[in-house]
Amino acid sequence: MSADAVSAGRGTVRPRRIVAGQSNQDSTTLDVRHLRRLAEFRYQLRRFLHVSQMAAEQMGLRHQQYQLLQCVGAMPDGMAPTIVNVAKRMLLKHNSAVELVDRAIRQGLLVRLGDEADHRRILLRVTPQGERILASLAEFHTRELEQSGPELVSALNRVLRASRRGRSSKSERRKEGAR
């Protein structure tokens, strides 16, 4: 940590500036306390995702395959379980989603079915084998969230509370400056 970031003798952290442009009007203040809150939230989220990945691997799946099963099995109402929608929901390129679906089909986790309403469209369905795995992992994840979820929610709430406080104090400063 640089000397200008630490108050003299007390070891407390002062906000540092990150310069985004050439002039002072372009610079923003880095609040280290807020950065720590964001880092803690990201850590809690990564921790949950890591545990999720390990659970999927114990069931013989890669974590993306579990996400795929979850995506297809729980597509939102009004959204058909097509490869296009899977790619969209999983934030994948279309060809990556096709490869992932093909692997899941070879493993017996998914099937392709023709759409009765639109014969041009192919729908995806989770097989009974895939449903058993999905149900087991959903049960595991629910238990895990019951245990680690409060820490994750608490970390998120700290970020959001600080963000709201920051926005309201900026708004108050602008009002003061306009007077």
C-alpha atoms as a PDB file:
ATOM      1  CA  MET A   1       0.000   0.000   0.000  1.00  0.00           C
ATOM      2  CA  SER A   2       1.386   3.427  -0.878  1.00  0.00           C
ATOM      3  CA  ALA A   3       2.264   5.945   1.785  1.00  0.00           C
ATOM      4  CA  ASP A   4      -0.339   8.408   0.509  1.00  0.00           C
ATOM      5  CA  ALA A   5      -3.061   5.818   1.101  1.00  0.00           C
ATOM      6  CA  VAL A   6      -2.293   5.466   4.809  1.00  0.00           C
ATOM      7  CA  SER A   7      -2.952   8.267   7.270  1.00  0.00           C
ATOM      8  CA  ALA A   8       0.116   9.350   9.196  1.00  0.00           C
ATOM      9  CA  GLY A   9       0.715   7.148  12.215  1.00  0.00           C
ATOM     10  CA  ARG A  10      -2.786   5.687  12.515  1.00  0.00           C
ATOM     11  CA  GLY A  11      -2.717   3.020   9.783  1.00  0.00           C
ATOM     12  CA  THR A  12      -6.203   3.958   8.562  1.00  0.00           C
ATOM     13  CA  VAL A  13      -6.892   3.805   4.877  1.00  0.00           C
ATOM     14  CA  ARG A  14      -7.867   6.939   3.014  1.00  0.00           C
ATOM     15  CA  PRO A  15      -9.593   6.829  -0.361  1.00  0.00           C
ATOM     16  CA  ARG A  16      -7.159   6.761  -3.281  1.00  0.00           C
ATOM     17  CA  ARG A  17      -7.697   8.279  -6.675  1.00  0.00           C
ATOM     18  CA  ILE A  18      -7.745   6.310  -9.882  1.00  0.00           C
ATOM     19  CA  VAL A  19      -7.194   8.618 -12.811  1.00  0.00           C
ATOM     20  CA  ALA A  20      -9.418   7.679 -15.722  1.00  0.00           C
ATOM     21  CA  GLY A  21      -8.430  10.618 -17.914  1.00  0.00           C
ATOM     22  CA  GLN A  22      -6.087  13.589 -18.083  1.00  0.00           C
ATOM     23  CA  SER A  23      -8.013  16.124 -16.006  1.00  0.00           C
ATOM     24  CA  ASN A  24      -9.143  15.956 -12.379  1.00  0.00           C
ATOM     25  CA  GLN A  25     -12.768  16.033 -13.537  1.00  0.00           C
ATOM     26  CA  ASP A  26     -12.233  12.588 -15.083  1.00  0.00           C
ATOM     27  CA  SER A  27     -10.837  11.008 -11.914  1.00  0.00           C
ATOM     28  CA  THR A  28     -12.871   8.854  -9.537  1.00  0.00           C
ATOM     29  CA  THR A  29     -12.226   8.013  -5.901  1.00  0.00           C
ATOM     30  CA  LEU A  30     -11.407   4.438  -4.958  1.00  0.00           C
ATOM     31  CA  ASP A  31     -12.914   3.706  -1.569  1.00  0.00           C
ATOM     32  CA  VAL A  32     -10.863   0.801  -0.251  1.00  0.00           C
ATOM     33  CA  ARG A  33     -13.586  -0.159   2.241  1.00  0.00           C
ATOM     34  CA  HIS A  34     -16.093  -0.449  -0.594  1.00  0.00           C
ATOM     35  CA  LEU A  35     -13.580  -2.388  -2.669  1.00  0.00           C
ATOM     36  CA  ARG A  36     -13.219  -4.823   0.239  1.00  0.00           C
ATOM     37  CA  ARG A  37     -16.998  -5.250   0.420  1.00  0.00           C
ATOM     38  CA  LEU A  38     -17.101  -6.009  -3.305  1.00  0.00           C
ATOM     39  CA  ALA A  39     -14.181  -8.430  -2.966  1.00  0.00           C
ATOM     40  CA  GLU A  40     -15.895 -10.225  -0.077  1.00  0.00           C
ATOM     41  CA  PHE A  41     -19.095 -10.605  -2.085  1.00  0.00           C
ATOM     42  CA  ARG A  42     -17.137 -11.959  -5.043  1.00  0.00           C
ATOM     43  CA  TYR A  43     -15.313 -14.373  -2.716  1.00  0.00           C
ATOM     44  CA  GLN A  44     -18.570 -15.677  -1.240  1.00  0.00           C
ATOM     45  CA  LEU A  45     -20.002 -16.095  -4.737  1.00  0.00           C
ATOM     46  CA  ARG A  46     -16.862 -17.895  -5.988  1.00  0.00           C
ATOM     47  CA  ARG A  47     -16.919 -20.114  -2.915  1.00  0.00           C
ATOM     48  CA  PHE A  48     -20.486 -21.214  -3.643  1.00  0.00           C
ATOM     49  CA  LEU A  49     -19.712 -21.763  -7.329  1.00  0.00           C
ATOM     50  CA  HIS A  50     -16.619 -23.806  -6.421  1.00  0.00           C
ATOM     51  CA  VAL A  51     -18.650 -26.053  -4.121  1.00  0.00           C
ATOM     52  CA  SER A  52     -21.228 -26.365  -6.906  1.00  0.00           C
ATOM     53  CA  GLN A  53     -18.558 -27.364  -9.407  1.00  0.00           C
ATOM     54  CA  MET A  54     -17.160 -30.015  -7.041  1.00  0.00           C
ATOM     55  CA  ALA A  55     -20.649 -31.449  -6.463  1.00  0.00           C
ATOM     56  CA  ALA A  56     -21.290 -31.673 -10.215  1.00  0.00           C
ATOM     57  CA  GLU A  57     -17.960 -33.412 -10.733  1.00  0.00           C
ATOM     58  CA  GLN A  58     -18.808 -35.944  -8.020  1.00  0.00           C
ATOM     59  CA  MET A  59     -21.934 -36.759 -10.044  1.00  0.00           C
ATOM     60  CA  GLY A  60     -19.790 -37.269 -13.151  1.00  0.00           C
ATOM     61  CA  LEU A  61     -20.614 -33.934 -14.782  1.00  0.00           C
ATOM     62  CA  ARG A  62     -18.659 -30.871 -15.701  1.00  0.00           C
ATOM     63  CA  HIS A  63     -20.081 -27.756 -14.086  1.00  0.00           C
ATOM     64  CA  GLN A  64     -21.334 -26.474 -17.456  1.00  0.00           C
ATOM     65  CA  GLN A  65     -23.259 -29.708 -17.968  1.00  0.00           C
ATOM     66  CA  TYR A  66     -25.042 -29.167 -14.659  1.00  0.00           C
ATOM     67  CA  GLN A  67     -25.798 -25.590 -15.680  1.00  0.00           C
ATOM     68  CA  LEU A  68     -27.114 -26.892 -18.997  1.00  0.00           C
ATOM     69  CA  LEU A  69     -29.426 -29.396 -17.289  1.00  0.00           C
ATOM     70  CA  GLN A  70     -30.635 -26.688 -14.953  1.00  0.00           C
ATOM     71  CA  CYS A  71     -31.141 -24.281 -17.836  1.00  0.00           C
ATOM     72  CA  VAL A  72     -33.135 -26.750 -19.960  1.00  0.00           C
ATOM     73  CA  GLY A  73     -35.081 -28.162 -17.020  1.00  0.00           C
ATOM     74  CA  ALA A  74     -36.031 -24.765 -15.619  1.00  0.00           C
ATOM     75  CA  MET A  75     -36.397 -22.521 -18.655  1.00  0.00           C
ATOM     76  CA  PRO A  76     -38.580 -19.494 -17.763  1.00  0.00           C
ATOM     77  CA  ASP A  77     -42.245 -19.578 -18.733  1.00  0.00           C
ATOM     78  CA  GLY A  78     -42.725 -18.439 -22.301  1.00  0.00           C
ATOM     79  CA  MET A  79     -39.155 -19.325 -23.296  1.00  0.00           C
ATOM     80  CA  ALA A  80     -38.754 -22.563 -25.231  1.00  0.00           C
ATOM     81  CA  PRO A  81     -35.805 -24.838 -24.372  1.00  0.00           C
ATOM     82  CA  THR A  82     -34.013 -24.399 -27.697  1.00  0.00           C
ATOM     83  CA  ILE A  83     -30.292 -24.228 -28.312  1.00  0.00           C
ATOM     84  CA  VAL A  84     -30.619 -20.507 -29.111  1.00  0.00           C
ATOM     85  CA  ASN A  85     -32.251 -19.867 -25.731  1.00  0.00           C
ATOM     86  CA  VAL A  86     -29.782 -22.116 -23.916  1.00  0.00           C
ATOM     87  CA  ALA A  87     -26.896 -20.171 -25.468  1.00  0.00           C
ATOM     88  CA  LYS A  88     -28.535 -16.903 -24.440  1.00  0.00           C
ATOM     89  CA  ARG A  89     -29.236 -18.027 -20.856  1.00  0.00           C
ATOM     90  CA  MET A  90     -25.782 -19.575 -20.387  1.00  0.00           C
ATOM     91  CA  LEU A  91     -23.988 -16.648 -22.043  1.00  0.00           C
ATOM     92  CA  LEU A  92     -22.415 -18.936 -24.644  1.00  0.00           C
ATOM     93  CA  LYS A  93     -21.838 -18.653 -28.359  1.00  0.00           C
ATOM     94  CA  HIS A  94     -24.277 -20.734 -30.379  1.00  0.00           C
ATOM     95  CA  ASN A  95     -21.657 -23.253 -31.548  1.00  0.00           C
ATOM     96  CA  SER A  96     -20.424 -23.750 -27.946  1.00  0.00           C
ATOM     97  CA  ALA A  97     -23.994 -24.433 -26.823  1.00  0.00           C
ATOM     98  CA  VAL A  98     -24.416 -26.957 -29.667  1.00  0.00           C
ATOM     99  CA  GLU A  99     -21.266 -28.825 -28.591  1.00  0.00           C
ATOM    100  CA  LEU A 100     -22.380 -28.828 -24.957  1.00  0.00           C
ATOM    101  CA  VAL A 101     -25.841 -30.124 -25.902  1.00  0.00           C
ATOM    102  CA  ASP A 102     -24.359 -32.806 -28.181  1.00  0.00           C
ATOM    103  CA  ARG A 103     -22.170 -34.091 -25.330  1.00  0.00           C
ATOM    104  CA  ALA A 104     -25.133 -34.143 -22.947  1.00  0.00           C
ATOM    105  CA  ILE A 105     -27.168 -36.095 -25.511  1.00  0.00           C
ATOM    106  CA  ARG A 106     -24.349 -38.643 -25.933  1.00  0.00           C
ATOM    107  CA  GLN A 107     -24.298 -39.061 -22.135  1.00  0.00           C
ATOM    108  CA  GLY A 108     -28.045 -39.666 -22.069  1.00  0.00           C
ATOM    109  CA  LEU A 109     -28.824 -36.474 -20.131  1.00  0.00           C
ATOM    110  CA  LEU A 110     -30.818 -34.643 -22.829  1.00  0.00           C
ATOM    111  CA  VAL A 111     -32.841 -35.456 -25.935  1.00  0.00           C
ATOM    112  CA  ARG A 112     -33.847 -33.383 -28.926  1.00  0.00           C
ATOM    113  CA  LEU A 113     -37.545 -33.356 -29.802  1.00  0.00           C
ATOM    114  CA  GLY A 114     -39.472 -31.765 -32.631  1.00  0.00           C
ATOM    115  CA  ASP A 115     -41.733 -28.889 -31.622  1.00  0.00           C
ATOM    116  CA  GLU A 116     -45.385 -29.824 -32.196  1.00  0.00           C
ATOM    117  CA  ALA A 117     -46.377 -26.174 -32.648  1.00  0.00           C
ATOM    118  CA  ASP A 118     -43.494 -25.186 -34.933  1.00  0.00           C
ATOM    119  CA  HIS A 119     -42.049 -28.085 -36.938  1.00  0.00           C
ATOM    120  CA  ARG A 120     -38.985 -26.015 -37.879  1.00  0.00           C
ATOM    121  CA  ARG A 121     -37.857 -25.807 -34.274  1.00  0.00           C
ATOM    122  CA  ILE A 122     -36.059 -28.413 -32.149  1.00  0.00           C
ATOM    123  CA  LEU A 123     -36.662 -28.469 -28.396  1.00  0.00           C
ATOM    124  CA  LEU A 124     -34.456 -29.928 -25.694  1.00  0.00           C
ATOM    125  CA  ARG A 125     -35.708 -32.090 -22.849  1.00  0.00           C
ATOM    126  CA  VAL A 126     -33.972 -33.523 -19.805  1.00  0.00           C
ATOM    127  CA  THR A 127     -34.042 -37.352 -19.776  1.00  0.00           C
ATOM    128  CA  PRO A 128     -35.073 -39.351 -16.690  1.00  0.00           C
ATOM    129  CA  GLN A 129     -31.356 -39.980 -15.980  1.00  0.00           C
ATOM    130  CA  GLY A 130     -30.691 -36.240 -16.269  1.00  0.00           C
ATOM    131  CA  GLU A 131     -33.660 -35.499 -14.006  1.00  0.00           C
ATOM    132  CA  ARG A 132     -32.295 -37.793 -11.279  1.00  0.00           C
ATOM    133  CA  ILE A 133     -28.920 -36.041 -11.393  1.00  0.00           C
ATOM    134  CA  LEU A 134     -30.549 -32.618 -11.541  1.00  0.00           C
ATOM    135  CA  ALA A 135     -32.801 -33.408  -8.564  1.00  0.00           C
ATOM    136  CA  SER A 136     -29.866 -34.685  -6.519  1.00  0.00           C
ATOM    137  CA  LEU A 137     -27.757 -31.624  -7.282  1.00  0.00           C
ATOM    138  CA  ALA A 138     -30.681 -29.264  -6.630  1.00  0.00           C
ATOM    139  CA  GLU A 139     -31.145 -30.855  -3.213  1.00  0.00           C
ATOM    140  CA  PHE A 140     -27.414 -30.517  -2.487  1.00  0.00           C
ATOM    141  CA  HIS A 141     -27.353 -26.871  -3.614  1.00  0.00           C
ATOM    142  CA  THR A 142     -30.379 -26.027  -1.505  1.00  0.00           C
ATOM    143  CA  ARG A 143     -28.659 -27.460   1.600  1.00  0.00           C
ATOM    144  CA  GLU A 144     -25.453 -25.619   0.708  1.00  0.00           C
ATOM    145  CA  LEU A 145     -27.346 -22.323   0.308  1.00  0.00           C
ATOM    146  CA  GLU A 146     -29.032 -22.869   3.651  1.00  0.00           C
ATOM    147  CA  GLN A 147     -25.545 -23.049   5.185  1.00  0.00           C
ATOM    148  CA  SER A 148     -23.504 -20.542   3.182  1.00  0.00           C
ATOM    149  CA  GLY A 149     -26.322 -18.401   1.786  1.00  0.00           C
ATOM    150  CA  PRO A 150     -26.580 -16.065   4.776  1.00  0.00           C
ATOM    151  CA  GLU A 151     -22.902 -15.078   4.359  1.00  0.00           C
ATOM    152  CA  LEU A 152     -23.429 -14.499   0.632  1.00  0.00           C
ATOM    153  CA  VAL A 153     -26.568 -12.415   1.238  1.00  0.00           C
ATOM    154  CA  SER A 154     -24.864 -10.473   4.020  1.00  0.00           C
ATOM    155  CA  ALA A 155     -21.901  -9.654   1.765  1.00  0.00           C
ATOM    156  CA  LEU A 156     -24.267  -8.509  -1.005  1.00  0.00           C
ATOM    157  CA  ASN A 157     -26.315  -6.412   1.423  1.00  0.00           C
ATOM    158  CA  ARG A 158     -23.167  -4.659   2.674  1.00  0.00           C
ATOM    159  CA  VAL A 159     -22.272  -3.716  -0.902  1.00  0.00           C
ATOM    160  CA  LEU A 160     -25.793  -2.494  -1.671  1.00  0.00           C
ATOM    161  CA  ARG A 161     -26.184  -0.505   1.568  1.00  0.00           C
ATOM    162  CA  ALA A 162     -22.864   1.232   0.986  1.00  0.00           C
ATOM    163  CA  SER A 163     -23.808   1.909  -2.624  1.00  0.00           C
ATOM    164  CA  ARG A 164     -27.141   3.466  -1.603  1.00  0.00           C
ATOM    165  CA  ARG A 165     -25.418   5.567   1.071  1.00  0.00           C
ATOM    166  CA  GLY A 166     -22.867   6.715  -1.493  1.00  0.00           C
ATOM    167  CA  ARG A 167     -25.523   7.701  -4.013  1.00  0.00           C
ATOM    168  CA  SER A 168     -27.599   9.576  -1.450  1.00  0.00           C
ATOM    169  CA  SER A 169     -24.584  11.492  -0.111  1.00  0.00           C
ATOM    170  CA  LYS A 170     -23.530  12.430  -3.677  1.00  0.00           C
ATOM    171  CA  SER A 171     -27.072  13.627  -4.340  1.00  0.00           C
ATOM    172  CA  GLU A 172     -27.012  15.695  -1.145  1.00  0.00           C
ATOM    173  CA  ARG A 173     -23.636  17.223  -2.097  1.00  0.00           C
ATOM    174  CA  ARG A 174     -25.002  18.184  -5.531  1.00  0.00           C
ATOM    175  CA  LYS A 175     -28.043  19.841  -3.920  1.00  0.00           C
ATOM    176  CA  GLU A 176     -25.738  21.730  -1.515  1.00  0.00           C
ATOM    177  CA  GLY A 177     -23.554  22.871  -4.412  1.00  0.00           C
ATOM    178  CA  ALA A 178     -26.575  24.116  -6.373  1.00  0.00           C
ATOM    179  CA  ARG A 179     -27.620  26.444  -3.552  1.00  0.00           C
END
